[in-house]
Amino acid sequence: MIGILSKVLKQPPERVAQGLPFIDPEGRLDVGDIYKQVAFWQASGQVSRDANPKSFIDLSFVPGHMNVPK
């Protein structure tokens, strides 16, 4: 994948690899980080203050998510 992106983006493979985000191979989410992201965007006025991540994150499809708030 890095080789393909490297060619399309006309960037060295090392640079492409540095820019890729981490994706859990099992599809698990870092739920606490999603909460932090929502709070960040709420504080900047880009997301409604009444948006509650618990109401739109579905944890049922994959077991073992990380950092799940109680």
PDB file of N, CA and C in Angstrom:
ATOM      1  N   MET A   1       0.823  -1.183   0.000  1.00  0.00           N
ATOM      2  CA  MET A   1       0.000   0.000   0.000  1.00  0.00           C
ATOM      3  C   MET A   1       0.874   1.256   0.000  1.00  0.00           C
ATOM      4  N   ILE A   2       1.943   1.227   0.788  1.00  0.00           N
ATOM      5  CA  ILE A   2       2.826   2.396   0.848  1.00  0.00           C
ATOM      6  C   ILE A   2       3.456   2.646  -0.511  1.00  0.00           C
ATOM      7  N   GLY A   3       3.829   1.565  -1.209  1.00  0.00           N
ATOM      8  CA  GLY A   3       4.414   1.709  -2.541  1.00  0.00           C
ATOM      9  C   GLY A   3       3.458   2.369  -3.520  1.00  0.00           C
ATOM     10  N   ILE A   4       2.201   1.972  -3.481  1.00  0.00           N
ATOM     11  CA  ILE A   4       1.191   2.555  -4.373  1.00  0.00           C
ATOM     12  C   ILE A   4       0.996   4.030  -4.048  1.00  0.00           C
ATOM     13  N   LEU A   5       0.815   4.330  -2.768  1.00  0.00           N
ATOM     14  CA  LEU A   5       0.633   5.730  -2.361  1.00  0.00           C
ATOM     15  C   LEU A   5       1.854   6.569  -2.713  1.00  0.00           C
ATOM     16  N   SER A   6       3.030   5.993  -2.544  1.00  0.00           N
ATOM     17  CA  SER A   6       4.273   6.704  -2.844  1.00  0.00           C
ATOM     18  C   SER A   6       4.306   7.145  -4.304  1.00  0.00           C
ATOM     19  N   LYS A   7       3.912   6.237  -5.194  1.00  0.00           N
ATOM     20  CA  LYS A   7       3.906   6.564  -6.632  1.00  0.00           C
ATOM     21  C   LYS A   7       2.862   7.628  -6.956  1.00  0.00           C
ATOM     22  N   VAL A   8       1.665   7.439  -6.448  1.00  0.00           N
ATOM     23  CA  VAL A   8       0.571   8.374  -6.745  1.00  0.00           C
ATOM     24  C   VAL A   8       0.856   9.762  -6.180  1.00  0.00           C
ATOM     25  N   LEU A   9       1.389   9.800  -4.969  1.00  0.00           N
ATOM     26  CA  LEU A   9       1.661  11.077  -4.304  1.00  0.00           C
ATOM     27  C   LEU A   9       3.007  11.683  -4.690  1.00  0.00           C
ATOM     28  N   LYS A  10       3.811  10.877  -5.404  1.00  0.00           N
ATOM     29  CA  LYS A  10       5.156  11.314  -5.812  1.00  0.00           C
ATOM     30  C   LYS A  10       5.979  11.741  -4.602  1.00  0.00           C
ATOM     31  N   GLN A  11       5.943  10.870  -3.594  1.00  0.00           N
ATOM     32  CA  GLN A  11       6.681  11.101  -2.352  1.00  0.00           C
ATOM     33  C   GLN A  11       7.465   9.836  -2.017  1.00  0.00           C
ATOM     34  N   PRO A  12       8.597   9.987  -1.330  1.00  0.00           N
ATOM     35  CA  PRO A  12       9.351   8.794  -0.935  1.00  0.00           C
ATOM     36  C   PRO A  12       8.527   7.916   0.014  1.00  0.00           C
ATOM     37  N   PRO A  13       8.699   6.597  -0.076  1.00  0.00           N
ATOM     38  CA  PRO A  13       7.932   5.696   0.793  1.00  0.00           C
ATOM     39  C   PRO A  13       8.070   6.025   2.277  1.00  0.00           C
ATOM     40  N   GLU A  14       9.253   6.468   2.693  1.00  0.00           N
ATOM     41  CA  GLU A  14       9.463   6.796   4.105  1.00  0.00           C
ATOM     42  C   GLU A  14       8.535   7.919   4.556  1.00  0.00           C
ATOM     43  N   ARG A  15       8.367   8.916   3.708  1.00  0.00           N
ATOM     44  CA  ARG A  15       7.497  10.049   4.050  1.00  0.00           C
ATOM     45  C   ARG A  15       6.037   9.603   4.107  1.00  0.00           C
ATOM     46  N   VAL A  16       5.641   8.765   3.169  1.00  0.00           N
ATOM     47  CA  VAL A  16       4.267   8.260   3.164  1.00  0.00           C
ATOM     48  C   VAL A  16       4.005   7.461   4.439  1.00  0.00           C
ATOM     49  N   ALA A  17       4.945   6.607   4.820  1.00  0.00           N
ATOM     50  CA  ALA A  17       4.779   5.778   6.020  1.00  0.00           C
ATOM     51  C   ALA A  17       4.638   6.632   7.272  1.00  0.00           C
ATOM     52  N   GLN A  18       5.347   7.740   7.341  1.00  0.00           N
ATOM     53  CA  GLN A  18       5.266   8.621   8.509  1.00  0.00           C
ATOM     54  C   GLN A  18       3.897   9.277   8.634  1.00  0.00           C
ATOM     55  N   GLY A  19       3.215   9.472   7.520  1.00  0.00           N
ATOM     56  CA  GLY A  19       1.941  10.181   7.541  1.00  0.00           C
ATOM     57  C   GLY A  19       0.724   9.298   7.724  1.00  0.00           C
ATOM     58  N   LEU A  20       0.912   7.985   7.742  1.00  0.00           N
ATOM     59  CA  LEU A  20      -0.238   7.097   7.866  1.00  0.00           C
ATOM     60  C   LEU A  20      -0.700   6.998   9.316  1.00  0.00           C
ATOM     61  N   PRO A  21      -2.007   7.027   9.533  1.00  0.00           N
ATOM     62  CA  PRO A  21      -2.520   6.882  10.897  1.00  0.00           C
ATOM     63  C   PRO A  21      -2.472   5.421  11.329  1.00  0.00           C
ATOM     64  N   PHE A  22      -2.520   5.197  12.631  1.00  0.00           N
ATOM     65  CA  PHE A  22      -2.607   3.827  13.138  1.00  0.00           C
ATOM     66  C   PHE A  22      -4.030   3.337  12.958  1.00  0.00           C
ATOM     67  N   ILE A  23      -4.162   2.140  12.425  1.00  0.00           N
ATOM     68  CA  ILE A  23      -5.469   1.496  12.305  1.00  0.00           C
ATOM     69  C   ILE A  23      -5.352   0.137  12.977  1.00  0.00           C
ATOM     70  N   ASP A  24      -6.154  -0.094  13.992  1.00  0.00           N
ATOM     71  CA  ASP A  24      -6.118  -1.362  14.701  1.00  0.00           C
ATOM     72  C   ASP A  24      -6.488  -2.485  13.740  1.00  0.00           C
ATOM     73  N   PRO A  25      -5.671  -3.524  13.637  1.00  0.00           N
ATOM     74  CA  PRO A  25      -5.950  -4.601  12.684  1.00  0.00           C
ATOM     75  C   PRO A  25      -7.252  -5.343  12.962  1.00  0.00           C
ATOM     76  N   GLU A  26      -7.760  -5.243  14.174  1.00  0.00           N
ATOM     77  CA  GLU A  26      -9.023  -5.902  14.505  1.00  0.00           C
ATOM     78  C   GLU A  26     -10.207  -4.939  14.461  1.00  0.00           C
ATOM     79  N   GLY A  27      -9.965  -3.699  14.086  1.00  0.00           N
ATOM     80  CA  GLY A  27     -11.035  -2.718  13.967  1.00  0.00           C
ATOM     81  C   GLY A  27     -11.516  -2.144  15.286  1.00  0.00           C
ATOM     82  N   ARG A  28     -10.716  -2.336  16.344  1.00  0.00           N
ATOM     83  CA  ARG A  28     -11.120  -1.810  17.656  1.00  0.00           C
ATOM     84  C   ARG A  28     -10.889  -0.303  17.707  1.00  0.00           C
ATOM     85  N   LEU A  29     -11.725   0.370  18.455  1.00  0.00           N
ATOM     86  CA  LEU A  29     -11.652   1.824  18.583  1.00  0.00           C
ATOM     87  C   LEU A  29     -11.005   2.233  19.897  1.00  0.00           C
ATOM     88  N   ASP A  30     -10.327   3.376  19.884  1.00  0.00           N
ATOM     89  CA  ASP A  30      -9.882   4.026  21.122  1.00  0.00           C
ATOM     90  C   ASP A  30     -11.002   4.994  21.479  1.00  0.00           C
ATOM     91  N   VAL A  31     -11.977   4.488  22.205  1.00  0.00           N
ATOM     92  CA  VAL A  31     -13.207   5.232  22.470  1.00  0.00           C
ATOM     93  C   VAL A  31     -12.940   6.512  23.254  1.00  0.00           C
ATOM     94  N   GLY A  32     -12.045   6.449  24.217  1.00  0.00           N
ATOM     95  CA  GLY A  32     -11.715   7.646  24.993  1.00  0.00           C
ATOM     96  C   GLY A  32     -11.203   8.765  24.111  1.00  0.00           C
ATOM     97  N   ASP A  33     -10.439   8.415  23.082  1.00  0.00           N
ATOM     98  CA  ASP A  33      -9.930   9.438  22.177  1.00  0.00           C
ATOM     99  C   ASP A  33     -11.056  10.069  21.357  1.00  0.00           C
ATOM    100  N   ILE A  34     -12.043   9.279  20.994  1.00  0.00           N
ATOM    101  CA  ILE A  34     -13.197   9.837  20.275  1.00  0.00           C
ATOM    102  C   ILE A  34     -13.913  10.851  21.160  1.00  0.00           C
ATOM    103  N   TYR A  35     -14.062  10.529  22.440  1.00  0.00           N
ATOM    104  CA  TYR A  35     -14.672  11.473  23.385  1.00  0.00           C
ATOM    105  C   TYR A  35     -13.860  12.769  23.443  1.00  0.00           C
ATOM    106  N   LYS A  36     -12.529  12.631  23.469  1.00  0.00           N
ATOM    107  CA  LYS A  36     -11.664  13.821  23.507  1.00  0.00           C
ATOM    108  C   LYS A  36     -11.816  14.654  22.238  1.00  0.00           C
ATOM    109  N   GLN A  37     -11.912  13.985  21.094  1.00  0.00           N
ATOM    110  CA  GLN A  37     -12.079  14.707  19.832  1.00  0.00           C
ATOM    111  C   GLN A  37     -13.402  15.468  19.800  1.00  0.00           C
ATOM    112  N   VAL A  38     -14.465  14.823  20.257  1.00  0.00           N
ATOM    113  CA  VAL A  38     -15.771  15.490  20.296  1.00  0.00           C
ATOM    114  C   VAL A  38     -15.699  16.706  21.214  1.00  0.00           C
ATOM    115  N   ALA A  39     -15.069  16.558  22.371  1.00  0.00           N
ATOM    116  CA  ALA A  39     -14.938  17.688  23.306  1.00  0.00           C
ATOM    117  C   ALA A  39     -14.144  18.829  22.679  1.00  0.00           C
ATOM    118  N   PHE A  40     -13.089  18.493  21.944  1.00  0.00           N
ATOM    119  CA  PHE A  40     -12.292  19.521  21.271  1.00  0.00           C
ATOM    120  C   PHE A  40     -13.154  20.310  20.289  1.00  0.00           C
ATOM    121  N   TRP A  41     -13.896  19.588  19.455  1.00  0.00           N
ATOM    122  CA  TRP A  41     -14.718  20.269  18.450  1.00  0.00           C
ATOM    123  C   TRP A  41     -15.891  21.009  19.084  1.00  0.00           C
ATOM    124  N   GLN A  42     -16.401  20.506  20.191  1.00  0.00           N
ATOM    125  CA  GLN A  42     -17.442  21.237  20.914  1.00  0.00           C
ATOM    126  C   GLN A  42     -16.884  22.545  21.458  1.00  0.00           C
ATOM    127  N   ALA A  43     -15.687  22.504  22.024  1.00  0.00           N
ATOM    128  CA  ALA A  43     -15.064  23.711  22.590  1.00  0.00           C
ATOM    129  C   ALA A  43     -14.790  24.759  21.523  1.00  0.00           C
ATOM    130  N   SER A  44     -14.550  24.306  20.289  1.00  0.00           N
ATOM    131  CA  SER A  44     -14.280  25.265  19.210  1.00  0.00           C
ATOM    132  C   SER A  44     -15.560  25.697  18.498  1.00  0.00           C
ATOM    133  N   GLY A  45     -16.705  25.177  18.953  1.00  0.00           N
ATOM    134  CA  GLY A  45     -17.982  25.579  18.376  1.00  0.00           C
ATOM    135  C   GLY A  45     -18.338  24.875  17.080  1.00  0.00           C
ATOM    136  N   GLN A  46     -17.584  23.839  16.715  1.00  0.00           N
ATOM    137  CA  GLN A  46     -17.836  23.140  15.458  1.00  0.00           C
ATOM    138  C   GLN A  46     -18.823  21.982  15.607  1.00  0.00           C
ATOM    139  N   VAL A  47     -19.031  21.554  16.850  1.00  0.00           N
ATOM    140  CA  VAL A  47     -19.974  20.469  17.140  1.00  0.00           C
ATOM    141  C   VAL A  47     -20.873  20.939  18.271  1.00  0.00           C
ATOM    142  N   SER A  48     -22.146  20.631  18.149  1.00  0.00           N
ATOM    143  CA  SER A  48     -23.130  21.034  19.154  1.00  0.00           C
ATOM    144  C   SER A  48     -22.745  20.522  20.540  1.00  0.00           C
ATOM    145  N   ARG A  49     -22.961  21.356  21.549  1.00  0.00           N
ATOM    146  CA  ARG A  49     -22.647  20.991  22.937  1.00  0.00           C
ATOM    147  C   ARG A  49     -23.453  19.783  23.414  1.00  0.00           C
ATOM    148  N   ASP A  50     -24.604  19.536  22.810  1.00  0.00           N
ATOM    149  CA  ASP A  50     -25.419  18.410  23.265  1.00  0.00           C
ATOM    150  C   ASP A  50     -25.070  17.095  22.558  1.00  0.00           C
ATOM    151  N   ALA A  51     -24.072  17.106  21.673  1.00  0.00           N
ATOM    152  CA  ALA A  51     -23.633  15.867  21.021  1.00  0.00           C
ATOM    153  C   ALA A  51     -22.956  14.971  22.055  1.00  0.00           C
ATOM    154  N   ASN A  52     -23.473  13.774  22.207  1.00  0.00           N
ATOM    155  CA  ASN A  52     -22.938  12.819  23.177  1.00  0.00           C
ATOM    156  C   ASN A  52     -22.392  11.617  22.413  1.00  0.00           C
ATOM    157  N   PRO A  53     -21.071  11.400  22.443  1.00  0.00           N
ATOM    158  CA  PRO A  53     -20.489  10.288  21.691  1.00  0.00           C
ATOM    159  C   PRO A  53     -21.141   8.938  21.998  1.00  0.00           C
ATOM    160  N   LYS A  54     -21.604   8.766  23.213  1.00  0.00           N
ATOM    161  CA  LYS A  54     -22.240   7.496  23.579  1.00  0.00           C
ATOM    162  C   LYS A  54     -23.463   7.222  22.705  1.00  0.00           C
ATOM    163  N   SER A  55     -24.094   8.276  22.211  1.00  0.00           N
ATOM    164  CA  SER A  55     -25.303   8.101  21.405  1.00  0.00           C
ATOM    165  C   SER A  55     -25.008   7.756  19.944  1.00  0.00           C
ATOM    166  N   PHE A  56     -23.764   7.923  19.485  1.00  0.00           N
ATOM    167  CA  PHE A  56     -23.485   7.625  18.078  1.00  0.00           C
ATOM    168  C   PHE A  56     -22.310   6.675  17.840  1.00  0.00           C
ATOM    169  N   ILE A  57     -21.723   6.130  18.899  1.00  0.00           N
ATOM    170  CA  ILE A  57     -20.663   5.134  18.732  1.00  0.00           C
ATOM    171  C   ILE A  57     -21.264   3.761  19.015  1.00  0.00           C
ATOM    172  N   ASP A  58     -21.211   2.882  18.023  1.00  0.00           N
ATOM    173  CA  ASP A  58     -21.739   1.526  18.170  1.00  0.00           C
ATOM    174  C   ASP A  58     -20.573   0.576  18.449  1.00  0.00           C
ATOM    175  N   LEU A  59     -20.483   0.089  19.672  1.00  0.00           N
ATOM    176  CA  LEU A  59     -19.388  -0.792  20.073  1.00  0.00           C
ATOM    177  C   LEU A  59     -19.735  -2.270  19.923  1.00  0.00           C
ATOM    178  N   SER A  60     -20.910  -2.570  19.386  1.00  0.00           N
ATOM    179  CA  SER A  60     -21.385  -3.952  19.367  1.00  0.00           C
ATOM    180  C   SER A  60     -20.776  -4.816  18.267  1.00  0.00           C
ATOM    181  N   PHE A  61     -20.219  -4.230  17.243  1.00  0.00           N
ATOM    182  CA  PHE A  61     -19.789  -5.021  16.090  1.00  0.00           C
ATOM    183  C   PHE A  61     -18.411  -5.660  16.243  1.00  0.00           C
ATOM    184  N   VAL A  62     -17.577  -5.172  17.163  1.00  0.00           N
ATOM    185  CA  VAL A  62     -16.233  -5.718  17.391  1.00  0.00           C
ATOM    186  C   VAL A  62     -15.981  -5.709  18.897  1.00  0.00           C
ATOM    187  N   PRO A  63     -15.512  -6.819  19.462  1.00  0.00           N
ATOM    188  CA  PRO A  63     -15.203  -6.825  20.898  1.00  0.00           C
ATOM    189  C   PRO A  63     -13.830  -6.227  21.190  1.00  0.00           C
ATOM    190  N   GLY A  64     -13.638  -5.796  22.425  1.00  0.00           N
ATOM    191  CA  GLY A  64     -12.309  -5.408  22.884  1.00  0.00           C
ATOM    192  C   GLY A  64     -11.878  -3.987  22.605  1.00  0.00           C
ATOM    193  N   HIS A  65     -12.813  -3.061  22.456  1.00  0.00           N
ATOM    194  CA  HIS A  65     -12.442  -1.661  22.240  1.00  0.00           C
ATOM    195  C   HIS A  65     -11.616  -1.150  23.411  1.00  0.00           C
ATOM    196  N   MET A  66     -10.798  -0.156  23.160  1.00  0.00           N
ATOM    197  CA  MET A  66      -9.881   0.364  24.175  1.00  0.00           C
ATOM    198  C   MET A  66     -10.407   1.652  24.780  1.00  0.00           C
ATOM    199  N   ASN A  67     -10.057   1.880  26.047  1.00  0.00           N
ATOM    200  CA  ASN A  67     -10.278   3.181  26.661  1.00  0.00           C
ATOM    201  C   ASN A  67     -11.760   3.566  26.704  1.00  0.00           C
ATOM    202  N   VAL A  68     -12.635   2.614  26.979  1.00  0.00           N
ATOM    203  CA  VAL A  68     -14.081   2.878  26.972  1.00  0.00           C
ATOM    204  C   VAL A  68     -14.477   3.536  28.292  1.00  0.00           C
ATOM    205  N   PRO A  69     -15.001   4.780  28.241  1.00  0.00           N
ATOM    206  CA  PRO A  69     -15.455   5.442  29.471  1.00  0.00           C
ATOM    207  C   PRO A  69     -16.608   4.667  30.100  1.00  0.00           C
ATOM    208  N   LYS A  70     -16.658   4.708  31.411  1.00  0.00           N
ATOM    209  CA  LYS A  70     -17.738   3.999  32.136  1.00  0.00           C
ATOM    210  C   LYS A  70     -18.990   4.824  32.153  1.00  0.00           C
TER     211      LYS A  70
END
